Amino acid sequence: MSAFNLPRLLKCNALCGKERNKAASFHFLRVHLFSSKTTNEIPLEAQFKNPIVAKLWAARQEAKQRLSLSDTGSTSSTDVSRAAAAVLEEGRSSSEERRGRTPSESATEIMYPFSNDLILREAYQSPWGEMRIGKIMEDLDALAGNIAFNHVFGNPLIVTAAVDRIRTRNRASVQKDLSLSGKVTWVGKSSMEIRMQCTEVDTQEEWLEAYFTFVTLDPQSKKPVAMPPLLPVTNEERAQFELGALKAQAKRVRRKNRLQVGQPLSEDSLKVDQLAASLLQEAGPLLRMPSLADPHSILMNRTLMQNAMTAQPQVRNLHNRIFGGFLMRRAFELAYANAYLFGGKRPHFLEVDDISFDAPVDVGDLLVFNSRILYTKPEGGFLGDYVENHQMMPLIMVEVEAWVTEPEKVSARVSNHFYFTFGLPEGTPCRKVLPANIDEARRMAMRMTADIEQSSLRS
């Protein structure tokens, strides 16, 4: 019997058998207590994970087993603006196998009954009695995978492509029951956006939101495959669909404007280079006359922090690769420590700005995490209305890179980029970070530019 007793922990959407034909009357499958299952019924890969992750993966495996009994159905949609018209039209005219699906068909919710489950509370609380952000990042990745599966509900390989944003409204206490839920909000040809939120059960106050991007791949060729289009129904769903379309378009523009060897610079790339040159010029006194430079500034290369680990089989996912949520937690904990050491006071996590999954990590890989303070805003800044009471906080932007290192081949490749924003308590002195060379200047300028572009999509 499992050591965790999580009553009524998970409500997972189960659209199976003839219920597939009832798009408007989807229902939730309630996964029973751990105590009603033997550990053999929980996927082996989930045995060493968070209790929430284990429940989510068990539900997904159960749904896969039921997949052979599921039927397809049909649904309808209302009009939206031209930004989404092409995708919706494809959904209306798609084949039966790729029929459009509503956001409610992917809706999934899990519960954290902290008030009456001391073991669960102990697993998630920080030294200050708050929710551990790194732990909930693992749960977000697992929940997003279940949501993506509920939308696709087929055999394609579902992979986390990126984390577009995770942000907190305030700090969450583990003395209160929480709910984590989400659904698909936008779908393109082979990618989907998933929005999740965490709320207090009693007040229904939302304290965290997250946007993940998933892609579907052919299991054999690993090439992208088409997925069922999304058919938003309510005004809120249509608004979220529109925002998702705008963000997808912004991503395409950023990819197009990336620096490429042998290619002429785009207008946006020229702006990044100009900003980089300006930042390097500002760092001149610190580089050439450090005793006379601004004492409240510091070079980026003085903020580096690093750790390394071997990827163990206990942290693999259902596809026998290293679990993305685990990589996010390790990167967050390093970034938090770096921000703490840099700022001198316990930082407040505000948001994840961007996470990319550039290459898979396999069991046995030697992983090296490199962290640095990319830039700061000592006087504070504005991250949108969602994040409360942060305008006067000095802001610290932290980058973490994960490298898969192969000593035998004397080679290494980047597997992930992570970008985090922390706030220091109001009034805390905070140094300004400046680049020591053109590479650091470009790195800083590109992140500053990306943050400015993302700010236009904040609420």
Protein backbone atom coordinates (compact mmCIF):
# COMPACT_ATOMS: atom_id res chain seq x y z
CA MET A 1 0.00 0.00 0.00
CA SER A 2 1.29 3.45 -0.84
CA ALA A 3 2.59 5.73 1.88
CA PHE A 4 0.39 8.56 0.58
CA ASN A 5 -3.31 8.69 1.36
CA LEU A 6 -4.83 11.37 -0.90
CA PRO A 7 -8.62 11.14 -0.72
CA ARG A 8 -10.44 12.43 -3.76
CA LEU A 9 -7.19 13.96 -4.97
CA LEU A 10 -7.76 13.94 -8.69
CA LYS A 11 -10.63 14.65 -11.03
CA CYS A 12 -9.49 13.80 -14.55
CA ASN A 13 -11.56 14.19 -17.70
CA ALA A 14 -12.51 10.81 -19.13
CA LEU A 15 -14.05 10.92 -22.57
CA CYS A 16 -14.30 7.25 -23.38
CA GLY A 17 -16.66 4.85 -25.17
CA LYS A 18 -20.04 6.21 -26.11
CA GLU A 19 -19.52 9.30 -23.95
CA ARG A 20 -17.30 10.57 -26.76
CA ASN A 21 -20.47 11.28 -28.72
CA LYS A 22 -21.76 13.61 -25.99
CA ALA A 23 -19.45 16.59 -26.33
CA ALA A 24 -21.70 18.81 -24.23
CA SER A 25 -21.98 16.33 -21.37
CA PHE A 26 -18.37 15.42 -20.62
CA HIS A 27 -17.71 14.12 -17.14
CA PHE A 28 -14.81 13.66 -14.75
CA LEU A 29 -13.26 10.35 -13.83
CA ARG A 30 -12.52 10.34 -10.13
CA VAL A 31 -9.39 8.35 -9.45
CA HIS A 32 -9.68 6.44 -6.20
CA LEU A 33 -7.45 6.53 -3.15
CA PHE A 34 -3.90 5.29 -3.29
CA SER A 35 -5.03 2.96 -0.51
CA SER A 36 -7.47 1.29 -2.90
CA LYS A 37 -4.67 0.51 -5.36
CA THR A 38 -1.53 -1.52 -5.03
CA THR A 39 1.71 0.16 -6.02
CA ASN A 40 1.81 -2.15 -9.06
CA GLU A 41 -1.18 -0.25 -10.50
CA ILE A 42 0.74 3.03 -10.45
CA PRO A 43 3.12 3.35 -13.45
CA LEU A 44 6.65 2.36 -12.47
CA GLU A 45 7.95 5.72 -13.71
CA ALA A 46 5.62 7.48 -11.22
CA GLN A 47 6.64 5.56 -8.11
CA PHE A 48 9.31 8.10 -7.09
CA LYS A 49 7.49 11.28 -8.13
CA ASN A 50 5.31 13.79 -6.30
CA PRO A 51 2.04 12.18 -5.14
CA ILE A 52 0.15 14.53 -7.49
CA VAL A 53 2.33 13.58 -10.47
CA ALA A 54 1.86 9.90 -9.66
CA LYS A 55 -1.93 10.27 -9.64
CA LEU A 56 -1.93 12.21 -12.92
CA TRP A 57 0.26 9.68 -14.69
CA ALA A 58 -1.82 6.78 -13.36
CA ALA A 59 -4.96 8.46 -14.73
CA ARG A 60 -3.33 9.01 -18.12
CA GLN A 61 -2.21 5.38 -18.34
CA GLU A 62 -5.71 4.25 -17.44
CA ALA A 63 -7.17 6.49 -20.13
CA LYS A 64 -4.75 5.05 -22.69
CA GLN A 65 -5.93 1.56 -21.82
CA ARG A 66 -9.52 2.65 -22.41
CA LEU A 67 -8.64 4.34 -25.70
CA SER A 68 -9.49 1.33 -27.83
CA LEU A 69 -13.12 1.57 -26.65
CA SER A 70 -13.57 5.27 -27.43
CA ASP A 71 -15.69 6.57 -30.29
CA THR A 72 -15.64 9.93 -32.05
CA GLY A 73 -18.39 12.51 -32.13
CA SER A 74 -19.15 15.96 -33.47
CA THR A 75 -19.49 19.39 -32.03
CA SER A 76 -20.20 22.93 -33.18
CA SER A 77 -18.67 26.33 -32.75
CA THR A 78 -19.57 29.98 -32.92
CA ASP A 79 -17.75 32.62 -34.96
CA VAL A 80 -14.58 34.39 -33.84
CA SER A 81 -12.49 37.07 -35.52
CA ARG A 82 -10.28 36.65 -38.58
CA ALA A 83 -7.19 35.87 -36.47
CA ALA A 84 -8.66 32.43 -35.71
CA ALA A 85 -10.98 31.93 -38.70
CA ALA A 86 -8.63 29.70 -40.71
CA VAL A 87 -8.02 27.29 -37.87
CA LEU A 88 -11.72 27.10 -36.99
CA GLU A 89 -12.74 26.54 -40.60
CA GLU A 90 -10.34 23.61 -40.75
CA GLY A 91 -12.00 22.26 -37.63
CA ARG A 92 -15.47 22.45 -39.12
CA SER A 93 -14.45 20.67 -42.31
CA SER A 94 -12.08 18.14 -40.75
CA SER A 95 -12.50 14.41 -41.04
CA GLU A 96 -14.23 12.43 -38.35
CA GLU A 97 -10.84 11.40 -36.94
CA ARG A 98 -9.81 15.05 -36.54
CA ARG A 99 -13.10 16.56 -35.53
CA GLY A 100 -12.90 19.87 -33.66
CA ARG A 101 -13.12 19.69 -29.88
CA THR A 102 -14.22 22.19 -27.29
CA PRO A 103 -11.97 23.39 -24.46
CA SER A 104 -14.25 21.73 -21.91
CA GLU A 105 -13.40 18.32 -23.34
CA SER A 106 -9.81 18.68 -22.12
CA ALA A 107 -10.63 20.28 -18.75
CA THR A 108 -8.86 18.59 -15.84
CA GLU A 109 -8.63 19.41 -12.14
CA ILE A 110 -6.65 18.11 -9.16
CA MET A 111 -7.01 18.95 -5.49
CA TYR A 112 -4.49 19.61 -2.71
CA PRO A 113 -6.39 18.79 0.53
CA PHE A 114 -3.73 20.37 2.75
CA SER A 115 -6.12 21.09 5.63
CA ASN A 116 -6.66 17.41 6.45
CA ASP A 117 -3.66 15.65 4.87
CA LEU A 118 -0.51 16.30 6.87
CA ILE A 119 1.66 14.05 4.72
CA LEU A 120 0.75 15.93 1.56
CA ARG A 121 1.28 19.26 3.31
CA GLU A 122 4.73 18.15 4.48
CA ALA A 123 5.64 17.14 0.90
CA TYR A 124 4.88 20.61 -0.47
CA GLN A 125 5.67 23.15 2.23
CA SER A 126 8.75 25.35 2.17
CA PRO A 127 10.71 26.33 5.31
CA TRP A 128 8.38 29.36 5.54
CA GLY A 129 5.11 27.42 5.36
CA GLU A 130 4.46 28.37 1.75
CA MET A 131 3.93 26.27 -1.37
CA ARG A 132 7.22 25.11 -2.89
CA ILE A 133 7.24 26.59 -6.39
CA GLY A 134 9.61 23.94 -7.74
CA LYS A 135 7.26 21.15 -6.65
CA ILE A 136 4.20 22.71 -8.25
CA MET A 137 6.19 23.15 -11.47
CA GLU A 138 6.45 19.37 -11.64
CA ASP A 139 2.69 19.08 -11.13
CA LEU A 140 2.01 21.69 -13.82
CA ASP A 141 4.01 19.73 -16.37
CA ALA A 142 2.22 16.49 -15.49
CA LEU A 143 -1.22 18.15 -15.53
CA ALA A 144 -0.51 19.82 -18.87
CA GLY A 145 0.38 16.39 -20.30
CA ASN A 146 -2.98 14.99 -19.19
CA ILE A 147 -4.83 17.96 -20.64
CA ALA A 148 -2.99 17.59 -23.95
CA PHE A 149 -3.81 13.87 -24.00
CA ASN A 150 -7.50 14.58 -23.36
CA HIS A 151 -7.56 16.89 -26.39
CA VAL A 152 -5.62 14.66 -28.77
CA PHE A 153 -6.94 11.38 -27.33
CA GLY A 154 -4.94 9.28 -29.75
CA ASN A 155 -1.59 7.68 -30.40
CA PRO A 156 0.67 10.67 -31.26
CA LEU A 157 3.63 11.35 -29.00
CA ILE A 158 2.82 14.40 -26.83
CA VAL A 159 5.85 16.54 -25.94
CA THR A 160 6.33 19.73 -23.92
CA ALA A 161 7.70 22.29 -26.38
CA ALA A 162 7.88 25.36 -24.14
CA VAL A 163 6.62 27.06 -21.02
CA ASP A 164 5.45 30.50 -22.06
CA ARG A 165 4.75 31.86 -18.59
CA ILE A 166 4.17 30.89 -14.97
CA ARG A 167 3.37 33.76 -12.67
CA THR A 168 2.09 34.15 -9.13
CA ARG A 169 -0.32 36.75 -7.80
CA ASN A 170 1.02 36.35 -4.26
CA ARG A 171 2.45 33.71 -1.94
CA ALA A 172 0.28 30.64 -1.23
CA SER A 173 0.04 29.01 2.19
CA VAL A 174 -0.09 25.22 2.53
CA GLN A 175 -2.52 25.62 5.44
CA LYS A 176 -5.40 26.03 2.96
CA ASP A 177 -6.80 23.61 0.39
CA LEU A 178 -5.81 24.40 -3.21
CA SER A 179 -7.13 23.39 -6.60
CA LEU A 180 -5.03 23.11 -9.78
CA SER A 181 -6.97 23.00 -13.05
CA GLY A 182 -6.61 23.78 -16.73
CA LYS A 183 -7.70 23.23 -20.32
CA VAL A 184 -6.59 23.76 -23.91
CA THR A 185 -7.00 27.42 -24.96
CA TRP A 186 -5.48 27.48 -28.48
CA VAL A 187 -4.57 24.93 -31.15
CA GLY A 188 -2.55 25.31 -34.34
CA LYS A 189 -1.64 22.61 -36.85
CA SER A 190 0.59 20.53 -34.58
CA SER A 191 0.87 22.58 -31.38
CA MET A 192 -1.49 23.61 -28.61
CA GLU A 193 -1.49 26.13 -25.78
CA ILE A 194 -2.68 25.04 -22.35
CA ARG A 195 -3.66 27.45 -19.58
CA MET A 196 -3.65 26.28 -15.97
CA GLN A 197 -4.48 28.07 -12.74
CA CYS A 198 -4.17 27.34 -9.03
CA THR A 199 -6.88 28.67 -6.70
CA GLU A 200 -7.76 28.56 -3.03
CA VAL A 201 -10.74 26.26 -2.63
CA ASP A 202 -12.54 28.32 0.03
CA THR A 203 -12.24 31.76 -1.59
CA GLN A 204 -11.80 30.70 -5.23
CA GLU A 205 -9.04 33.31 -5.39
CA GLU A 206 -6.53 32.54 -8.13
CA TRP A 207 -2.89 32.88 -7.07
CA LEU A 208 -1.00 31.25 -9.98
CA GLU A 209 -1.44 30.92 -13.73
CA ALA A 210 0.66 29.04 -16.27
CA TYR A 211 0.79 28.70 -20.06
CA PHE A 212 2.42 25.61 -21.62
CA THR A 213 2.91 24.74 -25.29
CA PHE A 214 2.72 21.09 -26.35
CA VAL A 215 3.37 19.53 -29.75
CA THR A 216 2.30 16.18 -31.18
CA LEU A 217 4.84 13.97 -32.96
CA ASP A 218 4.62 10.77 -34.92
CA PRO A 219 5.90 8.00 -32.58
CA GLN A 220 8.13 6.51 -35.29
CA SER A 221 9.36 9.43 -37.38
CA LYS A 222 9.25 12.00 -34.53
CA LYS A 223 7.91 14.54 -37.04
CA PRO A 224 5.02 16.89 -36.16
CA VAL A 225 1.53 15.58 -36.88
CA ALA A 226 -1.78 17.42 -37.06
CA MET A 227 -4.04 17.49 -34.01
CA PRO A 228 -7.80 18.08 -33.61
CA PRO A 229 -8.64 21.79 -33.93
CA LEU A 230 -10.11 23.70 -30.99
CA LEU A 231 -13.67 25.02 -31.14
CA PRO A 232 -14.16 27.72 -28.47
CA VAL A 233 -17.74 28.15 -27.29
CA THR A 234 -17.96 30.85 -24.59
CA ASN A 235 -16.82 34.47 -24.84
CA GLU A 236 -13.97 33.74 -22.42
CA GLU A 237 -12.82 30.78 -24.51
CA ARG A 238 -12.90 32.86 -27.69
CA ALA A 239 -10.85 35.62 -26.00
CA GLN A 240 -8.28 33.08 -24.83
CA PHE A 241 -8.16 31.60 -28.33
CA GLU A 242 -7.48 35.04 -29.80
CA LEU A 243 -4.69 35.70 -27.30
CA GLY A 244 -3.16 32.31 -28.05
CA ALA A 245 -3.18 33.08 -31.78
CA LEU A 246 -1.40 36.40 -31.16
CA LYS A 247 1.26 34.74 -29.00
CA ALA A 248 1.85 32.02 -31.60
CA GLN A 249 2.32 34.69 -34.25
CA ALA A 250 4.80 36.56 -32.01
CA LYS A 251 6.79 33.33 -31.57
CA ARG A 252 7.01 32.86 -35.33
CA VAL A 253 8.31 36.41 -35.73
CA ARG A 254 10.96 35.84 -33.03
CA ARG A 255 12.13 32.63 -34.69
CA LYS A 256 12.37 34.41 -38.04
CA ASN A 257 14.43 37.23 -36.53
CA ARG A 258 16.98 35.02 -34.77
CA LEU A 259 20.60 35.65 -35.66
CA GLN A 260 21.83 33.19 -38.29
CA VAL A 261 25.37 32.82 -39.55
CA GLY A 262 25.69 34.02 -43.14
CA GLN A 263 22.27 35.70 -43.15
CA PRO A 264 21.73 39.49 -43.26
CA LEU A 265 20.54 41.10 -40.03
CA SER A 266 16.84 41.86 -39.77
CA GLU A 267 15.60 45.21 -38.47
CA ASP A 268 14.85 43.66 -35.06
CA SER A 269 18.29 42.03 -34.93
CA LEU A 270 19.90 45.39 -35.66
CA LYS A 271 18.00 46.90 -32.73
CA VAL A 272 19.27 44.13 -30.46
CA ASP A 273 22.85 44.79 -31.62
CA GLN A 274 22.46 48.51 -30.99
CA LEU A 275 21.17 47.86 -27.48
CA ALA A 276 24.03 45.43 -26.86
CA ALA A 277 26.58 48.03 -27.95
CA SER A 278 25.01 50.59 -25.63
CA LEU A 279 25.12 48.19 -22.67
CA LEU A 280 28.78 47.34 -23.35
CA GLN A 281 29.65 51.01 -23.53
CA GLU A 282 27.92 51.59 -20.16
CA ALA A 283 30.10 48.81 -18.68
CA GLY A 284 33.30 50.53 -19.88
CA PRO A 285 34.29 52.17 -16.56
CA LEU A 286 33.66 48.91 -14.64
CA LEU A 287 35.89 47.04 -17.12
CA ARG A 288 38.72 49.56 -17.46
CA MET A 289 38.59 51.66 -14.25
CA PRO A 290 36.83 49.52 -11.65
CA SER A 291 37.94 51.66 -8.69
CA LEU A 292 36.21 54.69 -10.23
CA ALA A 293 33.11 52.90 -11.54
CA ASP A 294 29.64 53.03 -10.04
CA PRO A 295 29.85 50.95 -6.83
CA HIS A 296 26.23 49.88 -7.33
CA SER A 297 27.03 47.98 -10.54
CA ILE A 298 28.56 44.55 -11.10
CA LEU A 299 29.72 42.52 -14.10
CA MET A 300 27.53 39.64 -15.23
CA ASN A 301 30.40 37.15 -15.07
CA ARG A 302 30.60 37.78 -11.29
CA THR A 303 27.08 36.40 -10.82
CA LEU A 304 27.63 32.88 -12.16
CA MET A 305 26.47 29.81 -10.23
CA GLN A 306 26.63 26.18 -11.31
CA ASN A 307 25.73 22.65 -10.27
CA ALA A 308 25.81 19.25 -11.96
CA MET A 309 24.08 15.89 -11.64
CA THR A 310 23.68 12.54 -13.35
CA ALA A 311 20.13 11.97 -14.65
CA GLN A 312 18.80 9.01 -12.70
CA PRO A 313 16.13 6.52 -13.87
CA GLN A 314 13.86 7.51 -10.97
CA VAL A 315 13.18 10.89 -12.61
CA ARG A 316 12.25 9.61 -16.08
CA ASN A 317 8.84 10.23 -17.63
CA LEU A 318 6.35 7.90 -19.30
CA HIS A 319 8.48 7.97 -22.49
CA ASN A 320 11.69 6.97 -20.66
CA ARG A 321 13.20 10.42 -21.03
CA ILE A 322 13.97 12.72 -18.10
CA PHE A 323 10.78 14.37 -16.81
CA GLY A 324 10.56 18.00 -17.90
CA GLY A 325 8.98 19.01 -14.60
CA PHE A 326 12.02 17.69 -12.75
CA LEU A 327 14.34 19.80 -14.94
CA MET A 328 12.18 22.85 -14.24
CA ARG A 329 12.37 22.28 -10.48
CA ARG A 330 16.16 21.85 -10.51
CA ALA A 331 16.60 24.98 -12.62
CA PHE A 332 14.25 26.99 -10.40
CA GLU A 333 16.04 25.97 -7.21
CA LEU A 334 19.39 27.03 -8.68
CA ALA A 335 17.95 30.33 -9.91
CA TYR A 336 16.38 30.99 -6.51
CA ALA A 337 19.68 30.35 -4.74
CA ASN A 338 21.48 32.66 -7.17
CA ALA A 339 18.94 35.46 -6.66
CA TYR A 340 19.15 34.99 -2.87
CA LEU A 341 22.95 35.18 -2.86
CA PHE A 342 22.93 38.16 -5.22
CA GLY A 343 20.25 40.20 -3.45
CA GLY A 344 21.17 39.42 0.14
CA LYS A 345 17.53 38.90 1.18
CA ARG A 346 15.04 36.12 0.53
CA PRO A 347 13.64 36.77 -2.97
CA HIS A 348 9.99 36.52 -3.92
CA PHE A 349 9.33 34.44 -7.05
CA LEU A 350 7.21 36.45 -9.46
CA GLU A 351 7.22 34.66 -12.80
CA VAL A 352 8.78 32.28 -15.26
CA ASP A 353 9.29 34.31 -18.41
CA ASP A 354 10.16 31.51 -20.80
CA ILE A 355 11.40 27.90 -20.81
CA SER A 356 12.49 26.12 -23.97
CA PHE A 357 12.98 22.39 -24.43
CA ASP A 358 15.65 22.32 -27.12
CA ALA A 359 16.84 18.70 -26.83
CA PRO A 360 15.74 15.64 -24.84
CA VAL A 361 17.63 14.47 -21.76
CA ASP A 362 18.17 10.74 -21.38
CA VAL A 363 18.72 8.57 -18.32
CA GLY A 364 22.44 8.54 -17.49
CA ASP A 365 23.21 11.92 -19.07
CA LEU A 366 25.55 14.23 -17.16
CA LEU A 367 23.60 17.47 -16.70
CA VAL A 368 25.33 20.76 -15.94
CA PHE A 369 23.15 23.72 -14.90
CA ASN A 370 24.65 27.18 -15.42
CA SER A 371 22.95 30.20 -13.85
CA ARG A 372 23.63 33.92 -14.12
CA ILE A 373 21.88 37.19 -13.32
CA LEU A 374 21.03 38.52 -16.78
CA TYR A 375 19.92 41.98 -15.72
CA THR A 376 18.22 43.81 -12.87
CA LYS A 377 15.81 46.68 -12.31
CA PRO A 378 16.98 48.21 -9.02
CA GLU A 379 14.15 50.75 -8.99
CA GLY A 380 11.48 48.14 -9.71
CA GLY A 381 9.31 47.50 -12.75
CA PHE A 382 5.81 46.55 -13.88
CA LEU A 383 4.97 42.93 -14.70
CA GLY A 384 1.26 43.43 -15.32
CA ASP A 385 -1.79 43.72 -13.09
CA TYR A 386 -1.86 39.99 -12.32
CA VAL A 387 1.17 40.13 -9.98
CA GLU A 388 0.18 42.05 -6.86
CA ASN A 389 2.24 44.62 -4.94
CA HIS A 390 5.47 44.29 -6.91
CA GLN A 391 6.00 47.69 -8.54
CA MET A 392 8.43 48.90 -5.87
CA MET A 393 10.35 45.62 -5.61
CA PRO A 394 13.86 45.56 -7.13
CA LEU A 395 13.62 42.95 -9.90
CA ILE A 396 16.20 40.25 -10.69
CA MET A 397 16.09 38.40 -14.02
CA VAL A 398 17.90 35.04 -13.87
CA GLU A 399 18.91 32.77 -16.75
CA VAL A 400 19.62 29.06 -16.32
CA GLU A 401 21.00 26.84 -19.09
CA ALA A 402 20.97 23.05 -18.87
CA TRP A 403 23.79 21.34 -20.75
CA VAL A 404 23.96 17.63 -21.59
CA THR A 405 27.68 16.96 -21.26
CA GLU A 406 29.55 14.01 -22.77
CA PRO A 407 33.09 13.83 -21.36
CA GLU A 408 33.94 10.78 -23.49
CA LYS A 409 33.29 12.79 -26.64
CA VAL A 410 34.51 16.09 -25.18
CA SER A 411 31.23 17.67 -26.27
CA ALA A 412 28.13 19.30 -24.80
CA ARG A 413 24.77 20.55 -26.06
CA VAL A 414 22.12 22.81 -24.57
CA SER A 415 18.93 20.97 -23.63
CA ASN A 416 16.98 23.79 -21.98
CA HIS A 417 16.87 27.54 -21.42
CA PHE A 418 15.04 28.87 -18.34
CA TYR A 419 14.25 32.49 -17.49
CA PHE A 420 12.97 33.53 -14.05
CA THR A 421 12.01 36.86 -12.47
CA PHE A 422 12.37 37.43 -8.72
CA GLY A 423 11.58 40.44 -6.57
CA LEU A 424 13.51 41.62 -3.53
CA PRO A 425 11.75 43.17 -0.53
CA GLU A 426 10.96 46.85 -1.09
CA GLY A 427 13.91 49.09 -0.20
CA THR A 428 16.56 46.37 -0.60
CA PRO A 429 19.74 47.67 -2.29
CA CYS A 430 20.23 45.97 -5.66
CA ARG A 431 23.20 46.30 -7.98
CA LYS A 432 22.86 46.91 -11.69
CA VAL A 433 24.29 44.07 -13.80
CA LEU A 434 26.42 44.97 -16.83
CA PRO A 435 28.04 42.81 -19.54
CA ALA A 436 31.77 42.09 -19.64
CA ASN A 437 31.93 41.23 -23.37
CA ILE A 438 29.86 41.36 -26.56
CA ASP A 439 28.45 37.86 -26.04
CA GLU A 440 27.06 38.82 -22.62
CA ALA A 441 25.82 42.13 -24.03
CA ARG A 442 23.87 40.39 -26.81
CA ARG A 443 22.50 37.83 -24.35
CA MET A 444 21.29 40.63 -22.09
CA ALA A 445 19.88 42.71 -24.95
CA MET A 446 17.98 39.77 -26.45
CA ARG A 447 16.35 38.98 -23.10
CA MET A 448 15.44 42.61 -22.48
CA THR A 449 13.87 42.81 -25.94
CA ALA A 450 11.95 39.57 -25.45
CA ASP A 451 10.62 40.79 -22.09
CA ILE A 452 9.43 44.02 -23.67
CA GLU A 453 7.64 42.07 -26.42
CA GLN A 454 6.02 39.75 -23.88
CA SER A 455 4.84 42.70 -21.81
CA SER A 456 2.43 43.63 -24.61
CA LEU A 457 0.71 40.26 -24.09
CA ARG A 458 0.48 40.60 -20.32
CA SER A 459 -2.73 41.46 -18.49
